[in-house]
Every structure is written in C-alpha cells, then in structure tokens.
Amino acid sequence: MRDRDLYAAILGVTSPWEVVDVDLDTPGQRVEVRLAVKSGTGQACPVCGKPSPGYDTRERRWRHLDTCQFQTVLVAQVPRVECNEHGVKQVHVPWAEEGSRFTAMFEALAIDWMREANLSAVTRLLRLSWDEVAGIQQRAVERGLARRERSVPRRMGVDETSFAKRHEYVTVISDQETGAVVSVADGRGRDTLDAFYKGLTADELSSIESVSMDMSAAYIGATVTHVPDAVRKICFDKFHVASHLGSAVDLVRRQEHRELAAWGDSTLTGTRYLWLTTPGNMTRAALERLETLRAESLRTAKAWFYKEWAMGLWHYVSRTWAKKAWGEWYQSAIHTNLEPIKQAARTVKRHLYGIINAIVLGITNAHAEGLNSGIQRIKAQARGFRNRTRFRNAIYFHFGQLDLYPTGISRSSAHTNS
C-alpha cells in the first residue's frame, strides 16, 4: 500500500477529499500529509448548504495524532465559496472543527489526557503550549455547554471559590443530586446570584426544593428575593457549619497556645489539624494523642467538644426535635467562658432556620466536599490561573459532566492512534 493510500485509510478521508502527498522529515521527526479537494468537485455554502461558486483557497494546517514518535501535521488548500446569501465562506473539512488548529481525533486525545493528568504533564507529553491546551479545553467546554439540555436542579448548591492570590472569586452553582456544576459566574456578591435566578422562569424557580450555601448575606438575600418560600428551602449544610465551628476552635487553640508557649509549655505545638480533623478520619495514633490532650483540661479541648457536639446533631427527622436539640446546644455554648465559641453560637442561632432545613430535608455535604476539594486540586495542579475564564473553563471541564468531544468522536474512539 502506498503512503498516500495508507494515510487516506488512517484518516478516513473520503471523496471529495484525497491525500495528494506525504512528506517525511526524519531528522525533524515530522510527517506532513497534504490533502486537496478532487478537481471538478462542486462546493456548497457551509451555512445554508446551497451550491455556490468557488472564490479561492486558503492553506490551513492541523496537528494530528503522532505517527509512532513522529509529529504528524495535515495540510490542505481549503476552498472558500461565495454564497449569494451569506457571502464568502470557507467550507468545512471533515477531520476538524471550524476554528481549530488540531484534528478532532487529536483534540479528543488531549481531552482524555486533561481528564487524567495536570496541565503541565499534558503540555509536556503532547508537546503543546499552555495556550494551545487552554484553547482545546475552552472549545471542549463550549461544545459541552451548547449540547447540554436546559435543566434546573431541585437541590441546588451555591459556593464561592477564589482563583488568584489577589482574592478574585467565582460563584459555583451545582446540582447536589448529581454533583454536576450548573453555572460558574464571576464574583461572589448578591448581584452574581441575582443574575442566575433572573435567568430562570417562575416555574423553574418554584421547582427548586432546597438551596445549600454558606452563611453569606449576599446569597441569602438573593435567594429570599427570587425563590418562593425560600426561608424553608435555604440550607446551611454540615460542611459549612463544621467549617465555621472549626474556625472558632482554632481561635481558642491559638490563644491558648500563645499563653502556654510564654511559659515554655509546648503541649499544643503542632496540634492544629488534630482538632480540626473528623475523629472518624483519624489514625489510631492521632486518636490516642487526641484523647491524651483532652485529659489535660485544655480550653481547646472544651471548644472541640462543642464542635463535635454540634456535628452529632444532624440525624433528626423531626423539625421540632431538631430545634430542641440545637436549642440545648446553644444554651450550653452561650454560657461557656470561650468567647470564639460564644460568637459561633450566636451565628448558629441567627442561621438556625437554615441548619434545621438542611437536617430535615436530608441535605448532605458529600457532593459539596468533593466538589470543593476537586476545585482546589485543579487549582493547585495549574499553580493558579492566568485569568477567570481559564479557571471557569477548568471547573466546567472537570465537574460539569459535559459531552466534551468533537462531533463524530465518542469516548471509545477517542484513543484511536495513527
């Protein structure tokens, strides 16, 4: 089989296109495959499909899957036609999507790599620049969002996350039943969530059964304004409450550590994460050390007790009994001599309606924790993002549950290699 026939078969090139030449650059480890439209072939407008006269041709180049260790590039003189209705348009080529400098099969391979490895590894292994990888990711996200059917989650999660050292934020809206990211919007103010709600119909707003969030006044205000009966739907789930109480415990620890250290006592040195980790996730050695510290009558241990007490109040199914249990916790916490715990107790009381909603509606923090840790992981792997758009694309790419592949490429065929 001649090299032109071989590459025509590998690429799946069919009429009116044909492989006209294959140039092998051994020193440069590069293969250049030239394609052209067969002479005398009529063309049609890519917009309306009507037969149109040829206008001219433009040379285009696309990176394709490597041939063994050789980088492979497709080169074609792509016709442009002059349509009476749409003017001069370039015809579509079957091996790549419009505007891409990579073949569909190469983009599918890059998508698979980006799902499995960090961007630094992808750029190195595929011999691409950061901008090229970001471009492939952006086109994949745009395809996925365009294909996604419109839907509003019954159980919605709202959270904020920063993407730069200068503390710029995006608001991430997710479906708590599937874990899929529904929207990534600029900022974390009320106007950000207002804009999302304003894009929904009255029926869609009424279909929302719960909105899980942190205790942000901005998010609360937007939800109360737009979602019917929001006071019984807003939920402050266990993840956010634990984070708030954990901060109070850490404040007590830091205060007590400074006092002990001034006397040369290092009891609390290196114990920060011990007090913040869920006991069920601790090693045997960590649990033993925690029990030893608790026996020393530390204020930090007392603060930790209040945190763990609160974390044990999420099993109720009755609103009445849940309120009673949290009321008992509040009365005890507010009379402690630990000011950070008292401040946390006041915050809990102000937001108790949302905590009770979360308990009664059975809102769990599984997806919230997974999504948050996943976003932090991709942020760390990318060592920060140059701009908000790239951060947004990365969140959609990894957590949007989108159909990312170019048209005609399925996951099973994405690994095809030439």
Protein backbone atom coordinates (compact mmCIF):
# COMPACT_ATOMS: atom_id res chain seq x y z
CA MET A 1 0.00 0.00 0.00
CA ARG A 2 1.37 3.42 -0.92
CA ASP A 3 1.87 6.02 1.79
CA ARG A 4 -0.94 8.19 0.37
CA ASP A 5 -3.38 5.28 0.45
CA LEU A 6 -2.20 4.36 3.94
CA TYR A 7 -2.86 7.83 5.35
CA ALA A 8 -6.15 8.12 3.48
CA ALA A 9 -7.28 4.93 5.23
CA ILE A 10 -5.93 6.02 8.63
CA LEU A 11 -7.53 9.46 8.43
CA GLY A 12 -10.79 8.14 6.98
CA VAL A 13 -10.50 10.58 4.09
CA THR A 14 -13.34 10.20 1.59
CA SER A 15 -14.43 11.97 -1.56
CA PRO A 16 -14.23 14.79 -2.44
CA TRP A 17 -11.03 14.94 -0.37
CA GLU A 18 -7.91 12.93 -1.15
CA VAL A 19 -4.35 12.61 0.13
CA VAL A 20 -2.06 14.04 -2.55
CA ASP A 21 1.33 13.84 -0.86
CA VAL A 22 3.14 12.58 2.25
CA ASP A 23 6.42 14.19 3.22
CA LEU A 24 8.62 12.50 5.85
CA ASP A 25 11.14 14.67 7.71
CA THR A 26 13.25 12.08 9.54
CA PRO A 27 15.72 14.47 11.23
CA GLY A 28 12.84 16.66 12.42
CA GLN A 29 10.72 13.61 13.35
CA ARG A 30 7.78 15.05 11.47
CA VAL A 31 5.26 13.78 8.91
CA GLU A 32 3.37 16.23 6.72
CA VAL A 33 0.25 14.90 4.98
CA ARG A 34 -1.17 17.07 2.18
CA LEU A 35 -4.83 16.88 1.23
CA ALA A 36 -6.86 18.51 -1.52
CA VAL A 37 -10.32 18.52 -3.00
CA LYS A 38 -10.57 16.48 -6.20
CA SER A 39 -10.58 18.57 -9.32
CA GLY A 40 -14.00 19.49 -10.66
CA THR A 41 -15.79 18.95 -7.35
CA GLY A 42 -18.65 21.34 -6.72
CA GLN A 43 -18.91 23.14 -3.37
CA ALA A 44 -21.75 24.34 -1.21
CA CYS A 45 -22.17 27.16 1.30
CA PRO A 46 -21.36 25.76 4.78
CA VAL A 47 -24.17 27.86 6.29
CA CYS A 48 -27.16 27.14 4.06
CA GLY A 49 -25.89 24.19 2.04
CA LYS A 50 -26.73 25.76 -1.33
CA PRO A 51 -24.34 25.09 -4.24
CA SER A 52 -22.02 28.09 -4.57
CA PRO A 53 -19.20 29.05 -6.93
CA GLY A 54 -15.63 28.80 -5.74
CA TYR A 55 -13.96 32.00 -4.57
CA ASP A 56 -10.37 30.98 -3.69
CA THR A 57 -8.42 28.61 -1.44
CA ARG A 58 -6.55 29.15 1.81
CA GLU A 59 -3.82 26.89 3.18
CA ARG A 60 -4.66 25.50 6.61
CA ARG A 61 -2.65 23.25 8.93
CA TRP A 62 -3.79 20.89 11.69
CA ARG A 63 -1.86 18.90 14.27
CA HIS A 64 -2.90 15.23 14.13
CA LEU A 65 -2.13 12.16 16.27
CA ASP A 66 1.53 11.22 16.14
CA THR A 67 2.72 8.53 13.74
CA CYS A 68 4.82 6.44 16.13
CA GLN A 69 7.27 9.04 17.51
CA PHE A 70 6.77 11.41 14.56
CA GLN A 71 4.63 14.51 14.93
CA THR A 72 2.00 14.47 12.19
CA VAL A 73 0.55 17.57 10.53
CA LEU A 74 -2.25 17.75 7.97
CA VAL A 75 -2.00 20.50 5.32
CA ALA A 76 -4.81 21.38 2.93
CA GLN A 77 -5.79 24.04 0.46
CA VAL A 78 -9.29 24.67 1.79
CA PRO A 79 -11.76 26.19 -0.70
CA ARG A 80 -13.80 29.27 0.01
CA VAL A 81 -17.11 29.80 -1.75
CA GLU A 82 -19.15 32.90 -2.49
CA CYS A 83 -22.76 32.44 -1.42
CA ASN A 84 -25.39 34.88 -2.68
CA GLU A 85 -26.94 34.99 0.79
CA HIS A 86 -24.00 34.60 3.20
CA GLY A 87 -21.06 35.98 1.25
CA VAL A 88 -17.59 34.43 1.21
CA LYS A 89 -17.37 31.37 3.47
CA GLN A 90 -14.76 28.66 4.00
CA VAL A 91 -16.08 25.14 3.52
CA HIS A 92 -15.94 22.69 6.39
CA VAL A 93 -13.32 19.94 6.49
CA PRO A 94 -14.35 16.51 7.83
CA TRP A 95 -11.34 15.97 10.11
CA ALA A 96 -11.50 19.12 12.26
CA GLU A 97 -13.99 21.56 13.72
CA GLU A 98 -14.13 25.13 12.50
CA GLY A 99 -11.55 27.43 14.06
CA SER A 100 -9.38 24.63 15.44
CA ARG A 101 -5.72 24.06 14.53
CA PHE A 102 -6.00 20.42 15.64
CA THR A 103 -7.84 17.48 14.16
CA ALA A 104 -10.89 16.18 16.01
CA MET A 105 -9.04 12.98 16.90
CA PHE A 106 -6.11 14.94 18.37
CA GLU A 107 -8.46 17.14 20.42
CA ALA A 108 -10.18 14.01 21.75
CA LEU A 109 -6.81 12.60 22.80
CA ALA A 110 -5.91 15.88 24.53
CA ILE A 111 -9.27 15.87 26.33
CA ASP A 112 -8.59 12.36 27.61
CA TRP A 113 -5.16 13.43 28.84
CA MET A 114 -6.59 16.51 30.57
CA ARG A 115 -9.11 14.32 32.38
CA GLU A 116 -6.29 12.17 33.78
CA ALA A 117 -3.28 14.47 34.25
CA ASN A 118 -2.45 18.03 35.20
CA LEU A 119 -1.94 20.66 32.52
CA SER A 120 1.84 20.70 32.92
CA ALA A 121 2.00 16.99 32.11
CA VAL A 122 -0.34 17.40 29.12
CA THR A 123 1.73 20.21 27.61
CA ARG A 124 4.90 18.18 28.03
CA LEU A 125 3.63 14.83 26.76
CA LEU A 126 1.72 16.22 23.78
CA ARG A 127 4.34 18.87 23.00
CA LEU A 128 1.88 21.74 23.24
CA SER A 129 1.97 25.21 24.73
CA TRP A 130 -0.20 26.27 27.66
CA ASP A 131 -2.25 28.46 25.34
CA GLU A 132 -2.85 25.54 22.96
CA VAL A 133 -4.01 23.26 25.77
CA ALA A 134 -6.24 26.03 27.17
CA GLY A 135 -7.73 26.54 23.70
CA ILE A 136 -8.61 22.84 23.36
CA GLN A 137 -10.17 22.89 26.82
CA GLN A 138 -12.18 26.02 26.04
CA ARG A 139 -13.57 24.56 22.78
CA ALA A 140 -14.47 21.35 24.62
CA VAL A 141 -16.39 23.31 27.27
CA GLU A 142 -18.17 25.43 24.66
CA ARG A 143 -19.27 22.26 22.85
CA GLY A 144 -20.45 20.70 26.10
CA LEU A 145 -22.42 23.74 27.22
CA ALA A 146 -24.05 24.07 23.78
CA ARG A 147 -25.14 20.41 23.87
CA ARG A 148 -26.37 20.41 27.47
CA GLU A 149 -30.12 20.34 27.91
CA ARG A 150 -31.56 23.13 29.99
CA SER A 151 -32.41 21.98 33.50
CA VAL A 152 -32.66 23.48 36.97
CA PRO A 153 -31.53 21.35 39.93
CA ARG A 154 -34.16 20.52 42.50
CA ARG A 155 -31.46 20.58 45.15
CA MET A 156 -29.05 23.36 44.39
CA GLY A 157 -25.67 24.11 45.91
CA VAL A 158 -24.10 27.58 45.90
CA ASP A 159 -20.50 28.17 46.88
CA GLU A 160 -17.68 30.62 46.25
CA THR A 161 -14.06 29.88 45.44
CA SER A 162 -11.06 32.11 44.81
CA PHE A 163 -8.78 31.61 41.84
CA ALA A 164 -5.98 34.13 42.34
CA LYS A 165 -3.74 35.43 45.11
CA ARG A 166 -5.47 38.77 44.87
CA HIS A 167 -8.64 37.04 46.07
CA GLU A 168 -10.77 37.19 42.97
CA TYR A 169 -13.78 34.90 43.22
CA VAL A 170 -16.29 32.95 41.20
CA THR A 171 -19.64 31.60 42.35
CA VAL A 172 -20.17 27.91 41.59
CA ILE A 173 -23.73 26.61 41.35
CA SER A 174 -24.14 22.83 41.38
CA ASP A 175 -26.74 20.09 41.35
CA GLN A 176 -26.46 18.37 44.73
CA GLU A 177 -28.14 15.21 43.49
CA THR A 178 -25.71 14.58 40.63
CA GLY A 179 -22.69 16.63 41.72
CA ALA A 180 -22.62 18.41 38.34
CA VAL A 181 -21.64 22.08 38.11
CA VAL A 182 -24.53 24.02 36.57
CA SER A 183 -23.04 27.51 36.43
CA VAL A 184 -19.77 29.32 37.13
CA ALA A 185 -20.31 33.08 37.45
CA ASP A 186 -17.95 35.99 38.13
CA GLY A 187 -17.83 37.38 41.64
CA ARG A 188 -19.45 36.36 44.92
CA GLY A 189 -21.80 39.28 45.58
CA ARG A 190 -25.57 39.34 45.60
CA ASP A 191 -25.73 40.55 42.01
CA THR A 192 -23.97 37.36 40.89
CA LEU A 193 -26.64 35.04 42.27
CA ASP A 194 -29.39 37.52 41.37
CA ALA A 195 -28.35 37.22 37.73
CA PHE A 196 -28.61 33.42 37.83
CA TYR A 197 -32.09 33.49 39.35
CA LYS A 198 -33.28 36.15 36.87
CA GLY A 199 -32.44 33.75 34.06
CA LEU A 200 -34.98 31.22 35.37
CA THR A 201 -38.72 31.13 34.75
CA ALA A 202 -41.27 31.32 37.53
CA ASP A 203 -41.97 27.59 37.18
CA GLU A 204 -38.25 26.79 37.35
CA LEU A 205 -37.82 28.88 40.49
CA SER A 206 -40.78 27.13 42.10
CA SER A 207 -39.30 23.73 41.27
CA ILE A 208 -36.26 24.39 43.50
CA GLU A 209 -36.66 22.39 46.71
CA SER A 210 -33.50 23.44 48.53
CA VAL A 211 -30.56 25.80 48.14
CA SER A 212 -27.47 24.82 50.10
CA MET A 213 -24.96 27.62 50.78
CA ASP A 214 -22.63 29.14 53.32
CA MET A 215 -23.93 31.84 55.64
CA SER A 216 -23.33 34.61 53.12
CA ALA A 217 -25.78 37.51 53.50
CA ALA A 218 -25.46 38.15 49.75
CA TYR A 219 -26.50 34.61 48.78
CA ILE A 220 -29.26 34.55 51.41
CA GLY A 221 -30.68 37.88 50.20
CA ALA A 222 -30.73 36.85 46.54
CA THR A 223 -32.40 33.54 47.33
CA VAL A 224 -35.07 35.06 49.57
CA THR A 225 -35.88 37.59 46.84
CA HIS A 226 -36.28 35.12 43.98
CA VAL A 227 -37.10 31.62 45.30
CA PRO A 228 -40.63 31.09 46.62
CA ASP A 229 -40.80 30.06 50.30
CA ALA A 230 -37.01 30.43 50.49
CA VAL A 231 -36.90 30.52 54.29
CA ARG A 232 -37.88 26.84 54.34
CA LYS A 233 -35.54 25.95 51.46
CA ILE A 234 -32.27 27.70 52.35
CA CYS A 235 -29.89 25.16 53.88
CA PHE A 236 -26.60 25.62 55.70
CA ASP A 237 -25.21 22.13 55.40
CA LYS A 238 -22.89 20.29 57.74
CA PHE A 239 -19.79 21.13 55.69
CA HIS A 240 -20.25 24.90 56.13
CA VAL A 241 -21.32 24.69 59.78
CA ALA A 242 -18.33 22.47 60.59
CA SER A 243 -16.02 24.94 58.87
CA HIS A 244 -17.44 27.81 60.93
CA LEU A 245 -17.16 25.96 64.24
CA GLY A 246 -13.70 24.69 63.29
CA SER A 247 -12.54 28.29 62.90
CA ALA A 248 -13.79 29.02 66.43
CA VAL A 249 -11.90 26.01 67.81
CA ASP A 250 -8.75 27.15 66.03
CA LEU A 251 -9.05 30.65 67.52
CA VAL A 252 -9.23 29.13 71.02
CA ARG A 253 -6.23 26.91 70.25
CA ARG A 254 -4.13 29.81 69.01
CA GLN A 255 -4.93 31.93 72.06
CA GLU A 256 -4.17 29.10 74.46
CA HIS A 257 -1.02 28.09 72.59
CA ARG A 258 0.41 31.61 72.92
CA GLU A 259 -0.27 31.59 76.65
CA LEU A 260 1.29 28.15 77.15
CA ALA A 261 4.27 28.93 74.94
CA ALA A 262 5.01 32.03 77.03
CA TRP A 263 5.57 29.63 79.97
CA GLY A 264 7.65 27.26 77.88
CA ASP A 265 4.82 24.73 77.52
CA SER A 266 4.66 23.13 74.04
CA THR A 267 1.58 20.97 74.68
CA LEU A 268 -0.37 22.47 71.75
CA THR A 269 2.53 22.74 69.31
CA GLY A 270 1.71 21.03 66.01
CA THR A 271 -1.84 20.10 67.03
CA ARG A 272 -3.85 22.37 64.72
CA TYR A 273 -5.13 19.70 62.34
CA LEU A 274 -5.70 17.27 65.19
CA TRP A 275 -8.54 19.48 66.50
CA LEU A 276 -9.98 20.13 63.04
CA THR A 277 -9.98 16.57 61.68
CA THR A 278 -13.13 14.45 62.00
CA PRO A 279 -12.40 11.64 64.50
CA GLY A 280 -13.71 9.07 62.03
CA ASN A 281 -10.93 10.07 59.63
CA MET A 282 -8.12 9.89 62.19
CA THR A 283 -5.45 7.24 62.51
CA ARG A 284 -5.21 5.22 65.70
CA ALA A 285 -2.13 7.21 66.76
CA ALA A 286 -3.91 10.53 66.18
CA LEU A 287 -6.93 9.39 68.18
CA GLU A 288 -4.71 8.32 71.07
CA ARG A 289 -2.94 11.67 71.09
CA LEU A 290 -6.28 13.50 70.97
CA GLU A 291 -7.55 11.56 73.99
CA THR A 292 -4.36 12.38 75.88
CA LEU A 293 -4.76 16.09 75.17
CA ARG A 294 -8.45 16.04 76.13
CA ALA A 295 -7.48 14.64 79.53
CA GLU A 296 -5.37 17.74 80.28
CA SER A 297 -8.35 20.09 80.76
CA LEU A 298 -7.36 22.37 77.91
CA ARG A 299 -9.68 25.16 76.79
CA THR A 300 -9.07 23.94 73.27
CA ALA A 301 -10.44 20.52 74.22
CA LYS A 302 -13.55 22.19 75.61
CA ALA A 303 -14.03 24.15 72.37
CA TRP A 304 -13.52 20.93 70.39
CA PHE A 305 -16.26 19.29 72.48
CA TYR A 306 -18.78 21.94 71.41
CA LYS A 307 -17.84 21.46 67.76
CA GLU A 308 -18.25 17.70 67.96
CA TRP A 309 -21.50 18.03 69.91
CA ALA A 310 -22.91 20.17 67.10
CA MET A 311 -21.69 17.71 64.46
CA GLY A 312 -23.70 14.99 66.21
CA LEU A 313 -27.00 16.86 65.81
CA TRP A 314 -27.68 16.04 62.15
CA HIS A 315 -29.64 12.81 62.46
CA TYR A 316 -33.08 14.21 63.32
CA VAL A 317 -36.08 13.87 61.00
CA SER A 318 -38.45 15.97 63.06
CA ARG A 319 -38.16 19.76 62.85
CA THR A 320 -39.41 20.09 66.43
CA TRP A 321 -36.88 17.70 67.92
CA ALA A 322 -34.05 19.18 65.84
CA LYS A 323 -34.87 22.67 67.16
CA LYS A 324 -34.94 21.36 70.72
CA ALA A 325 -31.55 19.65 70.39
CA TRP A 326 -29.90 22.72 68.85
CA GLY A 327 -31.53 24.92 71.48
CA GLU A 328 -29.88 22.85 74.22
CA TRP A 329 -26.53 23.11 72.45
CA TYR A 330 -26.90 26.88 72.13
CA GLN A 331 -27.81 27.41 75.79
CA SER A 332 -24.71 25.50 76.87
CA ALA A 333 -22.38 27.10 74.33
CA ILE A 334 -23.51 30.67 75.02
CA HIS A 335 -22.70 30.29 78.73
CA THR A 336 -19.17 28.99 78.22
CA ASN A 337 -16.18 31.21 79.01
CA LEU A 338 -14.80 30.69 75.46
CA GLU A 339 -15.57 33.85 73.51
CA PRO A 340 -14.95 32.35 70.00
CA ILE A 341 -17.42 29.56 70.79
CA LYS A 342 -19.96 32.09 72.10
CA GLN A 343 -19.62 34.10 68.89
CA ALA A 344 -20.06 30.94 66.85
CA ALA A 345 -23.15 30.06 68.91
CA ARG A 346 -24.69 33.46 68.15
CA THR A 347 -24.02 32.93 64.45
CA VAL A 348 -25.63 29.49 64.62
CA LYS A 349 -28.71 30.92 66.35
CA ARG A 350 -29.14 33.60 63.67
CA HIS A 351 -28.95 30.95 60.95
CA LEU A 352 -30.65 28.09 62.78
CA TYR A 353 -33.58 28.05 60.33
CA GLY A 354 -31.20 27.01 57.52
CA ILE A 355 -29.45 24.41 59.66
CA ILE A 356 -32.80 22.85 60.61
CA ASN A 357 -33.85 22.90 56.94
CA ALA A 358 -30.69 21.02 55.98
CA ILE A 359 -31.29 18.40 58.67
CA VAL A 360 -34.99 17.86 57.90
CA LEU A 361 -34.51 17.86 54.11
CA GLY A 362 -31.61 15.43 54.42
CA ILE A 363 -29.06 17.70 52.73
CA THR A 364 -25.66 16.04 52.85
CA ASN A 365 -22.26 17.57 52.28
CA ALA A 366 -20.86 14.71 50.21
CA HIS A 367 -21.03 16.46 46.83
CA ALA A 368 -20.12 19.85 48.33
CA GLU A 369 -16.94 18.50 49.94
CA GLY A 370 -15.99 16.51 46.84
CA LEU A 371 -16.54 19.45 44.53
CA ASN A 372 -14.67 21.88 46.76
CA SER A 373 -11.66 19.59 47.18
CA GLY A 374 -11.69 18.84 43.44
CA ILE A 375 -11.61 22.52 42.55
CA GLN A 376 -8.76 23.12 45.00
CA ARG A 377 -6.88 20.21 43.42
CA ILE A 378 -7.09 21.52 39.85
CA LYS A 379 -6.17 24.99 41.11
CA ALA A 380 -3.05 23.60 42.78
CA GLN A 381 -2.14 21.50 39.74
CA ALA A 382 -2.36 24.54 37.48
CA ARG A 383 -0.40 26.63 40.02
CA GLY A 384 -3.03 29.31 39.78
CA PHE A 385 -4.86 30.52 36.70
CA ARG A 386 -3.91 33.43 34.49
CA ASN A 387 -7.47 34.67 34.32
CA ARG A 388 -11.01 33.95 35.44
CA THR A 389 -12.01 32.48 32.06
CA ARG A 390 -9.47 29.67 32.26
CA PHE A 391 -10.45 28.87 35.83
CA ARG A 392 -14.12 28.81 34.83
CA ASN A 393 -13.38 26.51 31.89
CA ALA A 394 -11.41 24.12 34.09
CA ILE A 395 -14.31 23.83 36.55
CA TYR A 396 -16.81 23.11 33.77
CA PHE A 397 -14.38 20.71 32.09
CA HIS A 398 -13.83 18.54 35.16
CA PHE A 399 -17.12 18.93 37.03
CA GLY A 400 -19.77 19.97 34.51
CA GLN A 401 -20.49 16.38 33.39
CA LEU A 402 -20.47 17.70 29.82
CA ASP A 403 -20.17 15.97 26.45
CA LEU A 404 -16.75 17.42 25.58
CA TYR A 405 -15.67 15.54 22.46
CA PRO A 406 -15.70 16.92 18.90
CA THR A 407 -18.60 15.90 16.68
CA GLY A 408 -18.25 12.31 15.49
CA ILE A 409 -15.83 11.33 18.26
CA SER A 410 -17.02 9.09 21.07
CA ARG A 411 -15.07 8.17 24.21
CA SER A 412 -14.49 4.66 22.83
CA SER A 413 -12.93 6.01 19.65
CA ALA A 414 -11.01 8.84 21.25
CA HIS A 415 -7.93 6.71 21.82
CA THR A 416 -7.53 5.76 18.15
CA ASN A 417 -3.88 6.21 17.26
CA SER A 418 -2.27 6.55 13.87
